[in-house]
Amino acid sequence: MNVQILALELKFEVRNELKTVSGFLKCFPNLETLYIKSAKVDEQPTGKVSLKFWLEDGPIACIREHMKVVFHELQGSANEIVLLKFIAERAQVLEEMVIVVSVSFNLDVC
């Protein structure tokens, strides 16, 4: 399967949900555009993640090779910022990164 565009809605404050993302992205090495929407969390946050969290599963080909990222509803959580940093630092060819912040964006973490 040659998926070129993928959209994910993620609860960044739910650690177990984030654990599946890197493995999932590895299934799509030819991915060109990744849309991420940050979902609001109704339950208790289950922990912060660090850059090491994203490095544990090894390299993700679609991020290293070529990528456009569109991030919707950025709320300003530390977990969101860590993923953005991971993508920005690891992408060898990051063609474009668009970030659309939520109206409730948290300026305290920046």
N, C-alpha and C. Protein backbone atom coordinates (compact mmCIF):
# COMPACT_ATOMS: atom_id res chain seq x y z
N MET A 1 0.85 -1.17 0.00
CA MET A 1 0.00 0.00 0.00
C MET A 1 0.90 1.24 0.00
N ASN A 2 0.55 2.20 -0.81
CA ASN A 2 1.35 3.41 -0.94
C ASN A 2 0.53 4.63 -0.49
N VAL A 3 0.43 4.83 0.80
CA VAL A 3 -0.32 5.94 1.36
C VAL A 3 0.56 7.19 1.31
N GLN A 4 0.04 8.27 0.74
CA GLN A 4 0.82 9.50 0.64
C GLN A 4 0.30 10.59 1.57
N ILE A 5 -0.97 10.52 1.96
CA ILE A 5 -1.57 11.51 2.85
C ILE A 5 -2.25 10.76 3.99
N LEU A 6 -1.97 11.20 5.22
CA LEU A 6 -2.54 10.55 6.40
C LEU A 6 -2.98 11.62 7.38
N ALA A 7 -4.16 11.43 7.96
CA ALA A 7 -4.68 12.34 8.98
C ALA A 7 -4.88 11.56 10.28
N LEU A 8 -4.38 12.12 11.37
CA LEU A 8 -4.51 11.51 12.70
C LEU A 8 -5.10 12.52 13.67
N GLU A 9 -5.98 12.06 14.52
CA GLU A 9 -6.45 12.87 15.63
C GLU A 9 -5.88 12.25 16.89
N LEU A 10 -5.08 13.01 17.63
CA LEU A 10 -4.36 12.47 18.78
C LEU A 10 -4.72 13.18 20.06
N LYS A 11 -4.81 12.39 21.12
CA LYS A 11 -4.94 12.93 22.46
C LYS A 11 -3.54 12.96 23.04
N PHE A 12 -2.91 14.10 22.98
CA PHE A 12 -1.51 14.21 23.36
C PHE A 12 -1.26 14.00 24.84
N GLU A 13 -2.25 14.11 25.65
CA GLU A 13 -2.08 13.92 27.09
C GLU A 13 -2.30 12.47 27.51
N VAL A 14 -2.61 11.59 26.56
CA VAL A 14 -2.81 10.17 26.85
C VAL A 14 -1.61 9.40 26.30
N ARG A 15 -0.70 9.06 27.18
CA ARG A 15 0.58 8.45 26.80
C ARG A 15 0.41 7.17 25.98
N ASN A 16 -0.52 6.30 26.36
CA ASN A 16 -0.72 5.05 25.64
C ASN A 16 -1.16 5.28 24.20
N GLU A 17 -1.89 6.32 23.96
CA GLU A 17 -2.29 6.64 22.59
C GLU A 17 -1.08 7.07 21.77
N LEU A 18 -0.21 7.84 22.37
CA LEU A 18 0.98 8.31 21.66
C LEU A 18 1.96 7.17 21.36
N LYS A 19 1.95 6.13 22.21
CA LYS A 19 2.86 5.00 22.00
C LYS A 19 2.64 4.33 20.66
N THR A 20 1.44 4.34 20.15
CA THR A 20 1.12 3.65 18.90
C THR A 20 1.51 4.46 17.66
N VAL A 21 1.75 5.74 17.81
CA VAL A 21 1.95 6.62 16.66
C VAL A 21 3.21 6.27 15.87
N SER A 22 4.35 6.12 16.51
CA SER A 22 5.58 5.87 15.76
C SER A 22 5.50 4.54 15.00
N GLY A 23 4.96 3.51 15.63
CA GLY A 23 4.79 2.22 14.95
C GLY A 23 3.84 2.33 13.78
N PHE A 24 2.80 3.11 13.96
CA PHE A 24 1.82 3.31 12.89
C PHE A 24 2.46 4.05 11.71
N LEU A 25 3.24 5.10 12.00
CA LEU A 25 3.88 5.86 10.93
C LEU A 25 4.91 5.03 10.17
N LYS A 26 5.50 4.06 10.84
CA LYS A 26 6.48 3.20 10.17
C LYS A 26 5.82 2.34 9.09
N CYS A 27 4.52 2.17 9.16
CA CYS A 27 3.80 1.39 8.15
C CYS A 27 3.66 2.15 6.83
N PHE A 28 3.97 3.44 6.84
CA PHE A 28 3.77 4.27 5.66
C PHE A 28 5.06 5.01 5.30
N PRO A 29 6.07 4.30 4.80
CA PRO A 29 7.36 4.93 4.52
C PRO A 29 7.31 5.98 3.40
N ASN A 30 6.30 5.93 2.55
CA ASN A 30 6.20 6.88 1.44
C ASN A 30 5.25 8.03 1.74
N LEU A 31 4.86 8.16 2.99
CA LEU A 31 3.95 9.23 3.39
C LEU A 31 4.57 10.59 3.06
N GLU A 32 3.79 11.43 2.42
CA GLU A 32 4.28 12.76 2.04
C GLU A 32 3.68 13.87 2.90
N THR A 33 2.41 13.71 3.29
CA THR A 33 1.74 14.75 4.06
C THR A 33 1.07 14.13 5.27
N LEU A 34 1.37 14.68 6.43
CA LEU A 34 0.78 14.21 7.68
C LEU A 34 -0.03 15.34 8.30
N TYR A 35 -1.32 15.08 8.48
CA TYR A 35 -2.20 16.03 9.16
C TYR A 35 -2.41 15.50 10.57
N ILE A 36 -2.17 16.33 11.56
CA ILE A 36 -2.38 15.96 12.95
C ILE A 36 -3.34 16.95 13.56
N LYS A 37 -4.39 16.43 14.16
CA LYS A 37 -5.31 17.29 14.91
C LYS A 37 -5.21 16.90 16.37
N SER A 38 -4.97 17.90 17.20
CA SER A 38 -4.87 17.66 18.63
C SER A 38 -6.27 17.65 19.23
N ALA A 39 -6.65 16.51 19.77
CA ALA A 39 -7.98 16.36 20.36
C ALA A 39 -7.97 16.80 21.81
N LYS A 40 -9.06 17.35 22.25
CA LYS A 40 -9.20 17.71 23.65
C LYS A 40 -9.36 16.43 24.47
N VAL A 41 -8.79 16.43 25.66
CA VAL A 41 -8.81 15.25 26.51
C VAL A 41 -9.84 15.43 27.61
N ASP A 42 -10.75 14.45 27.69
CA ASP A 42 -11.77 14.49 28.73
C ASP A 42 -11.30 13.81 30.01
N GLU A 43 -10.37 12.86 29.86
CA GLU A 43 -9.89 12.12 31.02
C GLU A 43 -8.64 12.77 31.62
N GLN A 44 -8.16 12.21 32.71
CA GLN A 44 -6.94 12.70 33.36
C GLN A 44 -5.74 12.49 32.46
N PRO A 45 -4.85 13.46 32.38
CA PRO A 45 -3.60 13.25 31.63
C PRO A 45 -2.81 12.09 32.23
N THR A 46 -2.15 11.31 31.36
CA THR A 46 -1.43 10.12 31.83
C THR A 46 0.08 10.25 31.69
N GLY A 47 0.58 11.44 31.66
CA GLY A 47 2.02 11.61 31.69
C GLY A 47 2.59 12.37 30.51
N LYS A 48 3.72 13.01 30.80
CA LYS A 48 4.42 13.76 29.77
C LYS A 48 5.36 12.82 29.03
N VAL A 49 5.65 13.18 27.80
CA VAL A 49 6.63 12.43 27.02
C VAL A 49 7.81 13.35 26.71
N SER A 50 8.95 12.73 26.47
CA SER A 50 10.15 13.49 26.15
C SER A 50 10.60 13.14 24.74
N LEU A 51 11.65 13.78 24.29
CA LEU A 51 12.20 13.47 22.99
C LEU A 51 12.65 12.00 22.94
N LYS A 52 13.16 11.50 24.05
CA LYS A 52 13.59 10.10 24.15
C LYS A 52 12.42 9.15 23.84
N PHE A 53 11.24 9.52 24.25
CA PHE A 53 10.03 8.73 23.99
C PHE A 53 9.88 8.46 22.50
N TRP A 54 10.08 9.50 21.67
CA TRP A 54 9.91 9.36 20.22
C TRP A 54 11.10 8.66 19.58
N LEU A 55 12.25 8.65 20.24
CA LEU A 55 13.43 8.00 19.68
C LEU A 55 13.50 6.51 19.98
N GLU A 56 12.74 6.05 20.97
CA GLU A 56 12.83 4.66 21.43
C GLU A 56 12.57 3.63 20.35
N ASP A 57 11.66 3.89 19.44
CA ASP A 57 11.29 2.90 18.42
C ASP A 57 12.17 2.97 17.18
N GLY A 58 13.19 3.81 17.20
CA GLY A 58 14.07 3.93 16.05
C GLY A 58 13.55 4.91 15.02
N PRO A 59 14.27 5.04 13.90
CA PRO A 59 13.91 6.03 12.89
C PRO A 59 12.57 5.73 12.21
N ILE A 60 11.90 6.76 11.84
CA ILE A 60 10.64 6.66 11.10
C ILE A 60 10.92 7.19 9.69
N ALA A 61 10.88 6.30 8.71
CA ALA A 61 11.32 6.63 7.34
C ALA A 61 10.59 7.84 6.76
N CYS A 62 9.29 7.92 6.94
CA CYS A 62 8.56 9.02 6.30
C CYS A 62 8.96 10.37 6.87
N ILE A 63 9.38 10.41 8.12
CA ILE A 63 9.82 11.68 8.72
C ILE A 63 11.24 12.00 8.27
N ARG A 64 12.07 11.01 8.14
CA ARG A 64 13.46 11.24 7.74
C ARG A 64 13.58 11.62 6.27
N GLU A 65 12.77 11.05 5.41
CA GLU A 65 12.96 11.20 3.98
C GLU A 65 12.29 12.44 3.39
N HIS A 66 11.02 12.58 3.59
CA HIS A 66 10.27 13.69 2.98
C HIS A 66 8.96 13.86 3.74
N MET A 67 8.59 15.10 3.97
CA MET A 67 7.40 15.28 4.78
C MET A 67 6.87 16.70 4.70
N LYS A 68 5.58 16.78 4.69
CA LYS A 68 4.86 18.01 4.94
C LYS A 68 3.99 17.71 6.15
N VAL A 69 3.97 18.61 7.11
CA VAL A 69 3.19 18.40 8.33
C VAL A 69 2.24 19.57 8.50
N VAL A 70 0.98 19.24 8.76
CA VAL A 70 -0.02 20.25 9.08
C VAL A 70 -0.59 19.87 10.43
N PHE A 71 -0.43 20.76 11.40
CA PHE A 71 -0.83 20.49 12.79
C PHE A 71 -1.99 21.43 13.13
N HIS A 72 -3.17 20.86 13.35
CA HIS A 72 -4.37 21.65 13.66
C HIS A 72 -4.68 21.61 15.15
N GLU A 73 -5.20 22.70 15.63
CA GLU A 73 -5.68 22.81 17.01
C GLU A 73 -4.58 22.61 18.05
N LEU A 74 -3.37 23.09 17.75
CA LEU A 74 -2.29 23.03 18.73
C LEU A 74 -2.75 23.75 19.99
N GLN A 75 -2.69 23.04 21.12
CA GLN A 75 -3.18 23.60 22.37
C GLN A 75 -2.05 24.10 23.27
N GLY A 76 -0.82 23.79 22.88
CA GLY A 76 0.32 24.29 23.64
C GLY A 76 0.81 23.35 24.73
N SER A 77 0.41 22.07 24.67
CA SER A 77 0.88 21.14 25.70
C SER A 77 2.33 20.77 25.42
N ALA A 78 3.03 20.39 26.47
CA ALA A 78 4.43 19.98 26.34
C ALA A 78 4.56 18.79 25.41
N ASN A 79 3.61 17.86 25.43
CA ASN A 79 3.68 16.67 24.57
C ASN A 79 3.56 17.04 23.10
N GLU A 80 2.76 18.03 22.79
CA GLU A 80 2.64 18.49 21.40
C GLU A 80 3.95 19.11 20.93
N ILE A 81 4.52 19.94 21.78
CA ILE A 81 5.77 20.63 21.44
C ILE A 81 6.90 19.62 21.22
N VAL A 82 6.94 18.57 22.03
CA VAL A 82 7.97 17.54 21.89
C VAL A 82 7.85 16.85 20.53
N LEU A 83 6.63 16.52 20.09
CA LEU A 83 6.46 15.89 18.79
C LEU A 83 6.89 16.84 17.67
N LEU A 84 6.52 18.10 17.76
CA LEU A 84 6.94 19.07 16.75
C LEU A 84 8.46 19.18 16.69
N LYS A 85 9.08 19.20 17.84
CA LYS A 85 10.55 19.28 17.92
C LYS A 85 11.17 18.02 17.31
N PHE A 86 10.62 16.86 17.62
CA PHE A 86 11.11 15.60 17.07
C PHE A 86 11.06 15.62 15.54
N ILE A 87 9.94 16.04 14.99
CA ILE A 87 9.80 16.09 13.54
C ILE A 87 10.78 17.09 12.94
N ALA A 88 10.86 18.27 13.52
CA ALA A 88 11.74 19.32 12.98
C ALA A 88 13.21 18.91 13.03
N GLU A 89 13.62 18.21 14.07
CA GLU A 89 15.02 17.81 14.21
C GLU A 89 15.38 16.59 13.36
N ARG A 90 14.43 15.70 13.13
CA ARG A 90 14.73 14.45 12.43
C ARG A 90 14.47 14.51 10.94
N ALA A 91 13.66 15.43 10.50
CA ALA A 91 13.32 15.48 9.07
C ALA A 91 14.50 16.01 8.26
N GLN A 92 14.97 15.20 7.34
CA GLN A 92 16.05 15.64 6.47
C GLN A 92 15.52 16.53 5.35
N VAL A 93 14.28 16.27 4.94
CA VAL A 93 13.63 17.10 3.93
C VAL A 93 12.24 17.45 4.43
N LEU A 94 12.16 18.46 5.27
CA LEU A 94 10.87 18.94 5.76
C LEU A 94 10.44 20.05 4.83
N GLU A 95 9.54 19.72 3.92
CA GLU A 95 9.14 20.67 2.90
C GLU A 95 8.32 21.81 3.48
N GLU A 96 7.48 21.49 4.44
CA GLU A 96 6.59 22.51 4.99
C GLU A 96 6.04 22.02 6.32
N MET A 97 5.91 22.94 7.28
CA MET A 97 5.24 22.64 8.54
C MET A 97 4.29 23.80 8.83
N VAL A 98 3.02 23.48 8.85
CA VAL A 98 1.98 24.48 9.12
C VAL A 98 1.40 24.16 10.49
N ILE A 99 1.34 25.17 11.34
CA ILE A 99 0.80 24.98 12.69
C ILE A 99 -0.35 25.95 12.88
N VAL A 100 -1.53 25.40 13.15
CA VAL A 100 -2.72 26.20 13.41
C VAL A 100 -3.06 26.03 14.89
N VAL A 101 -2.95 27.11 15.65
CA VAL A 101 -3.17 27.00 17.09
C VAL A 101 -4.65 27.07 17.43
N SER A 102 -4.99 26.44 18.53
CA SER A 102 -6.34 26.46 19.06
C SER A 102 -6.61 27.84 19.67
N VAL A 103 -7.86 28.21 19.75
CA VAL A 103 -8.19 29.48 20.40
C VAL A 103 -7.85 29.45 21.88
N SER A 104 -7.70 28.24 22.44
CA SER A 104 -7.35 28.10 23.85
C SER A 104 -5.88 27.77 24.02
N PHE A 105 -5.03 28.19 23.09
CA PHE A 105 -3.60 27.88 23.11
C PHE A 105 -2.98 28.32 24.43
N ASN A 106 -2.15 27.43 25.01
CA ASN A 106 -1.52 27.65 26.29
C ASN A 106 -0.13 28.25 26.08
N LEU A 107 0.03 29.52 26.31
CA LEU A 107 1.32 30.19 26.10
C LEU A 107 2.33 29.86 27.18
N ASP A 108 1.92 29.24 28.27
CA ASP A 108 2.81 28.98 29.40
C ASP A 108 3.92 27.99 29.07
N VAL A 109 3.72 27.09 28.10
CA VAL A 109 4.72 26.05 27.83
C VAL A 109 5.75 26.50 26.80
N CYS A 110 5.54 27.60 26.14
CA CYS A 110 6.45 28.02 25.06
C CYS A 110 7.62 28.81 25.56
